Protein backbone atom coordinates (compact mmCIF):
# COMPACT_ATOMS: atom_id res chain seq x y z
CA MET A 1 1.08 -1.60 26.08
CA PRO A 2 2.27 1.65 24.43
CA GLU A 3 -0.29 3.54 22.42
CA ARG A 4 0.35 3.64 18.68
CA SER A 5 -0.10 6.89 16.84
CA ARG A 6 -2.84 5.74 14.50
CA GLY A 7 -4.37 8.02 11.96
CA ARG A 8 -1.77 10.77 12.13
CA ASN A 9 -2.80 13.53 9.78
CA ASN A 10 -6.09 11.69 9.12
CA THR A 11 -4.37 8.95 7.10
CA GLY A 12 -6.52 6.08 8.40
CA SER A 13 -8.43 5.68 5.14
CA VAL A 14 -5.20 5.76 3.15
CA VAL A 15 -3.76 3.00 5.34
CA ASP A 16 -6.92 0.95 4.78
CA LEU A 17 -6.54 1.28 0.99
CA LEU A 18 -2.86 0.37 1.23
CA LYS A 19 -3.81 -2.75 3.21
CA VAL A 20 -6.20 -3.83 0.44
CA LEU A 21 -3.48 -3.19 -2.16
CA LEU A 22 -0.94 -5.15 -0.09
CA LYS A 23 -3.28 -8.12 0.21
CA ALA A 24 -4.00 -8.06 -3.54
CA VAL A 25 -0.29 -7.88 -4.45
CA ALA A 26 0.63 -10.60 -1.94
CA GLU A 27 -2.11 -12.88 -3.27
CA GLN A 28 -1.03 -12.27 -6.87
CA GLU A 29 2.62 -12.99 -6.02
CA GLY A 30 1.92 -15.92 -3.69
CA VAL A 31 3.70 -14.48 -0.65
CA ALA A 32 2.62 -13.47 2.83
CA PRO A 33 1.74 -9.76 3.09
CA LYS A 34 4.02 -9.26 6.13
CA ILE A 35 7.03 -10.24 4.03
CA ILE A 36 6.31 -7.26 1.78
CA ALA A 37 5.22 -4.61 4.31
CA THR A 38 4.08 -4.18 7.90
CA VAL A 39 1.22 -2.03 9.15
CA GLU A 40 3.80 0.39 10.54
CA GLU A 41 5.33 0.72 7.08
CA LEU A 42 1.90 1.34 5.55
CA GLU A 43 1.29 4.07 8.12
CA ALA A 44 4.64 5.66 7.26
CA ILE A 45 3.88 5.53 3.52
CA ALA A 46 0.46 7.08 4.18
CA ASP A 47 2.24 9.94 5.98
CA SER A 48 5.04 10.46 3.44
CA ASP A 49 5.99 9.43 -0.10
CA ASN A 50 9.61 9.52 1.10
CA ALA A 51 9.22 7.27 4.14
CA ASP A 52 12.41 5.36 4.90
CA VAL A 53 10.85 1.89 5.15
CA PRO A 54 11.86 -1.44 3.59
CA SER A 55 8.74 -1.57 1.40
CA LEU A 56 9.99 1.53 -0.46
CA HIS A 57 13.42 0.01 -1.16
CA GLY A 58 14.76 -2.79 -3.36
CA TRP A 59 12.55 -5.67 -4.48
CA ARG A 60 9.74 -4.62 -2.14
CA ARG A 61 9.53 -1.22 -3.83
CA LYS A 62 9.35 -2.86 -7.24
CA LEU A 63 6.73 -5.36 -6.08
CA PHE A 64 4.60 -3.11 -3.87
CA GLY A 65 6.06 0.31 -3.05
CA GLU A 66 5.67 1.85 -6.50
CA LYS A 67 2.05 0.68 -6.63
CA ALA A 68 1.41 2.04 -3.14
CA LEU A 69 2.71 5.47 -4.11
CA ALA A 70 0.72 5.41 -7.36
CA LEU A 71 -2.48 4.52 -5.45
CA LYS A 72 -1.81 7.21 -2.88
CA ASN A 73 -1.22 9.81 -5.59
CA GLY A 74 -4.31 8.97 -7.67
CA GLN A 75 -2.49 7.19 -10.49
CA LEU A 76 -3.73 3.70 -9.65
CA GLY A 77 -7.17 2.43 -8.72
CA LEU A 78 -8.56 -0.71 -7.15
CA VAL A 79 -11.53 -2.46 -8.74
CA LEU A 80 -13.42 -5.65 -8.07
CA GLU A 81 -13.49 -8.10 -10.93
CA ARG A 82 -15.21 -11.45 -10.41
CA GLY A 83 -14.78 -11.08 -6.67
CA ARG A 84 -11.06 -10.30 -6.81
CA VAL A 85 -9.28 -7.00 -6.30
CA LYS A 86 -7.54 -5.86 -9.48
CA LEU A 87 -5.27 -2.88 -10.11
CA ARG A 88 -6.12 -0.34 -12.79
CA GLU A 89 -4.03 2.58 -13.99
CA ILE A 90 -6.02 5.79 -14.03
CA ALA A 91 -5.89 7.44 -17.46
CA GLY A 92 -4.68 11.02 -17.51
CA ALA A 93 -3.29 10.86 -14.01
């Protein structure tokens, strides 16, 4: 099995946060996470805001991609509220 280039540029933690965001968005929208984005796409987004992946185009961008970029750039936070992950805009960001 070919080895995947995980954690390029030390982005492993960013990918982990993007996975939590993806699960929260998918749960909120009632769709399977893999329909919105794959792990490979999350890795590409972690590496570059301009990654050419489906989750940064069309309806996927509107549903998830914009939130992913905002989280990555410190404009969106994840909080736990009654045991559920919620999204919070970060004031002044």
